[in-house]
Amino acid sequence: MNKYKVIYYMSVLALIPVIEWIEKKSKNLASEKGE
């Protein structure tokens, strides 16, 4: 396995919880506004 693939997978795995958290935050903000 080459080094760049490892770096790519590591960054994707690191971003998954961040993206989920941002989606939760945006849903919470939308519901607070009453949309």
PDB file of N, CA and C in Angstrom:
ATOM      1  N   MET A   1       0.851  -1.196   0.000  1.00  0.00           N
ATOM      2  CA  MET A   1       0.000   0.000   0.000  1.00  0.00           C
ATOM      3  C   MET A   1       0.885   1.244   0.000  1.00  0.00           C
ATOM      4  N   ASN A   2       0.558   2.192  -0.852  1.00  0.00           N
ATOM      5  CA  ASN A   2       1.455   3.344  -0.895  1.00  0.00           C
ATOM      6  C   ASN A   2       1.081   4.406   0.135  1.00  0.00           C
ATOM      7  N   LYS A   3       2.063   5.224   0.433  1.00  0.00           N
ATOM      8  CA  LYS A   3       1.968   6.184   1.530  1.00  0.00           C
ATOM      9  C   LYS A   3       0.806   7.150   1.355  1.00  0.00           C
ATOM     10  N   TYR A   4       0.565   7.601   0.137  1.00  0.00           N
ATOM     11  CA  TYR A   4      -0.482   8.594  -0.089  1.00  0.00           C
ATOM     12  C   TYR A   4      -1.870   8.015   0.151  1.00  0.00           C
ATOM     13  N   LYS A   5      -2.034   6.718  -0.164  1.00  0.00           N
ATOM     14  CA  LYS A   5      -3.319   6.074   0.112  1.00  0.00           C
ATOM     15  C   LYS A   5      -3.574   6.029   1.610  1.00  0.00           C
ATOM     16  N   VAL A   6      -2.539   5.718   2.371  1.00  0.00           N
ATOM     17  CA  VAL A   6      -2.679   5.665   3.831  1.00  0.00           C
ATOM     18  C   VAL A   6      -3.081   7.038   4.362  1.00  0.00           C
ATOM     19  N   ILE A   7      -2.396   8.079   3.919  1.00  0.00           N
ATOM     20  CA  ILE A   7      -2.705   9.446   4.349  1.00  0.00           C
ATOM     21  C   ILE A   7      -4.142   9.806   3.975  1.00  0.00           C
ATOM     22  N   TYR A   8      -4.555   9.429   2.758  1.00  0.00           N
ATOM     23  CA  TYR A   8      -5.910   9.714   2.289  1.00  0.00           C
ATOM     24  C   TYR A   8      -6.948   9.050   3.186  1.00  0.00           C
ATOM     25  N   TYR A   9      -6.769   7.751   3.463  1.00  0.00           N
ATOM     26  CA  TYR A   9      -7.736   7.047   4.296  1.00  0.00           C
ATOM     27  C   TYR A   9      -7.768   7.606   5.711  1.00  0.00           C
ATOM     28  N   MET A  10      -6.611   7.947   6.253  1.00  0.00           N
ATOM     29  CA  MET A  10      -6.559   8.516   7.598  1.00  0.00           C
ATOM     30  C   MET A  10      -7.327   9.821   7.666  1.00  0.00           C
ATOM     31  N   SER A  11      -7.154  10.673   6.649  1.00  0.00           N
ATOM     32  CA  SER A  11      -7.838  11.965   6.660  1.00  0.00           C
ATOM     33  C   SER A  11      -9.340  11.790   6.477  1.00  0.00           C
ATOM     34  N   VAL A  12      -9.760  10.843   5.642  1.00  0.00           N
ATOM     35  CA  VAL A  12     -11.192  10.577   5.466  1.00  0.00           C
ATOM     36  C   VAL A  12     -11.797  10.087   6.773  1.00  0.00           C
ATOM     37  N   LEU A  13     -11.127   9.141   7.434  1.00  0.00           N
ATOM     38  CA  LEU A  13     -11.636   8.617   8.697  1.00  0.00           C
ATOM     39  C   LEU A  13     -11.693   9.705   9.762  1.00  0.00           C
ATOM     40  N   ALA A  14     -10.753  10.622   9.746  1.00  0.00           N
ATOM     41  CA  ALA A  14     -10.743  11.712  10.713  1.00  0.00           C
ATOM     42  C   ALA A  14     -11.865  12.706  10.440  1.00  0.00           C
ATOM     43  N   LEU A  15     -12.231  12.865   9.168  1.00  0.00           N
ATOM     44  CA  LEU A  15     -13.254  13.849   8.803  1.00  0.00           C
ATOM     45  C   LEU A  15     -14.674  13.359   9.038  1.00  0.00           C
ATOM     46  N   ILE A  16     -14.903  12.047   9.047  1.00  0.00           N
ATOM     47  CA  ILE A  16     -16.267  11.524   9.192  1.00  0.00           C
ATOM     48  C   ILE A  16     -16.961  12.059  10.452  1.00  0.00           C
ATOM     49  N   PRO A  17     -16.373  11.935  11.658  1.00  0.00           N
ATOM     50  CA  PRO A  17     -17.056  12.470  12.845  1.00  0.00           C
ATOM     51  C   PRO A  17     -17.219  13.981  12.810  1.00  0.00           C
ATOM     52  N   VAL A  18     -16.280  14.679  12.183  1.00  0.00           N
ATOM     53  CA  VAL A  18     -16.376  16.139  12.068  1.00  0.00           C
ATOM     54  C   VAL A  18     -17.577  16.519  11.206  1.00  0.00           C
ATOM     55  N   ILE A  19     -17.735  15.839  10.083  1.00  0.00           N
ATOM     56  CA  ILE A  19     -18.861  16.115   9.187  1.00  0.00           C
ATOM     57  C   ILE A  19     -20.183  15.803   9.888  1.00  0.00           C
ATOM     58  N   GLU A  20     -20.245  14.678  10.605  1.00  0.00           N
ATOM     59  CA  GLU A  20     -21.467  14.322  11.326  1.00  0.00           C
ATOM     60  C   GLU A  20     -21.800  15.380  12.368  1.00  0.00           C
ATOM     61  N   TRP A  21     -20.783  15.892  13.086  1.00  0.00           N
ATOM     62  CA  TRP A  21     -20.990  16.915  14.101  1.00  0.00           C
ATOM     63  C   TRP A  21     -21.512  18.204  13.474  1.00  0.00           C
ATOM     64  N   ILE A  22     -20.942  18.597  12.333  1.00  0.00           N
ATOM     65  CA  ILE A  22     -21.391  19.807  11.635  1.00  0.00           C
ATOM     66  C   ILE A  22     -22.847  19.646  11.189  1.00  0.00           C
ATOM     67  N   GLU A  23     -23.206  18.465  10.687  1.00  0.00           N
ATOM     68  CA  GLU A  23     -24.585  18.231  10.260  1.00  0.00           C
ATOM     69  C   GLU A  23     -25.536  18.332  11.444  1.00  0.00           C
ATOM     70  N   LYS A  24     -25.159  17.775  12.593  1.00  0.00           N
ATOM     71  CA  LYS A  24     -25.987  17.870  13.794  1.00  0.00           C
ATOM     72  C   LYS A  24     -26.141  19.324  14.211  1.00  0.00           C
ATOM     73  N   LYS A  25     -25.033  20.079  14.199  1.00  0.00           N
ATOM     74  CA  LYS A  25     -25.073  21.487  14.576  1.00  0.00           C
ATOM     75  C   LYS A  25     -26.002  22.270  13.662  1.00  0.00           C
ATOM     76  N   SER A  26     -25.897  22.056  12.355  1.00  0.00           N
ATOM     77  CA  SER A  26     -26.720  22.802  11.406  1.00  0.00           C
ATOM     78  C   SER A  26     -28.190  22.423  11.563  1.00  0.00           C
ATOM     79  N   LYS A  27     -28.486  21.152  11.852  1.00  0.00           N
ATOM     80  CA  LYS A  27     -29.872  20.743  12.089  1.00  0.00           C
ATOM     81  C   LYS A  27     -30.403  21.404  13.352  1.00  0.00           C
ATOM     82  N   ASN A  28     -29.574  21.459  14.398  1.00  0.00           N
ATOM     83  CA  ASN A  28     -29.991  22.098  15.644  1.00  0.00           C
ATOM     84  C   ASN A  28     -30.272  23.580  15.425  1.00  0.00           C
ATOM     85  N   LEU A  29     -29.420  24.257  14.673  1.00  0.00           N
ATOM     86  CA  LEU A  29     -29.618  25.675  14.396  1.00  0.00           C
ATOM     87  C   LEU A  29     -30.888  25.896  13.587  1.00  0.00           C
ATOM     88  N   ALA A  30     -31.147  25.028  12.627  1.00  0.00           N
ATOM     89  CA  ALA A  30     -32.343  25.155  11.793  1.00  0.00           C
ATOM     90  C   ALA A  30     -33.598  24.945  12.634  1.00  0.00           C
ATOM     91  N   SER A  31     -33.580  23.983  13.548  1.00  0.00           N
ATOM     92  CA  SER A  31     -34.759  23.713  14.358  1.00  0.00           C
ATOM     93  C   SER A  31     -34.986  24.831  15.374  1.00  0.00           C
ATOM     94  N   GLU A  32     -33.907  25.447  15.860  1.00  0.00           N
ATOM     95  CA  GLU A  32     -34.050  26.567  16.795  1.00  0.00           C
ATOM     96  C   GLU A  32     -34.708  27.764  16.132  1.00  0.00           C
ATOM     97  N   LYS A  33     -34.422  27.960  14.838  1.00  0.00           N
ATOM     98  CA  LYS A  33     -35.033  29.063  14.103  1.00  0.00           C
ATOM     99  C   LYS A  33     -36.494  28.771  13.764  1.00  0.00           C
ATOM    100  N   GLY A  34     -36.904  27.508  13.909  1.00  0.00           N
ATOM    101  CA  GLY A  34     -38.283  27.142  13.642  1.00  0.00           C
ATOM    102  C   GLY A  34     -38.569  26.892  12.184  1.00  0.00           C
ATOM    103  N   GLU A  35     -37.557  26.458  11.448  1.00  0.00           N
ATOM    104  CA  GLU A  35     -37.763  26.186  10.015  1.00  0.00           C
ATOM    105  C   GLU A  35     -38.210  24.742   9.809  1.00  0.00           C
TER     106      GLU A  35
END
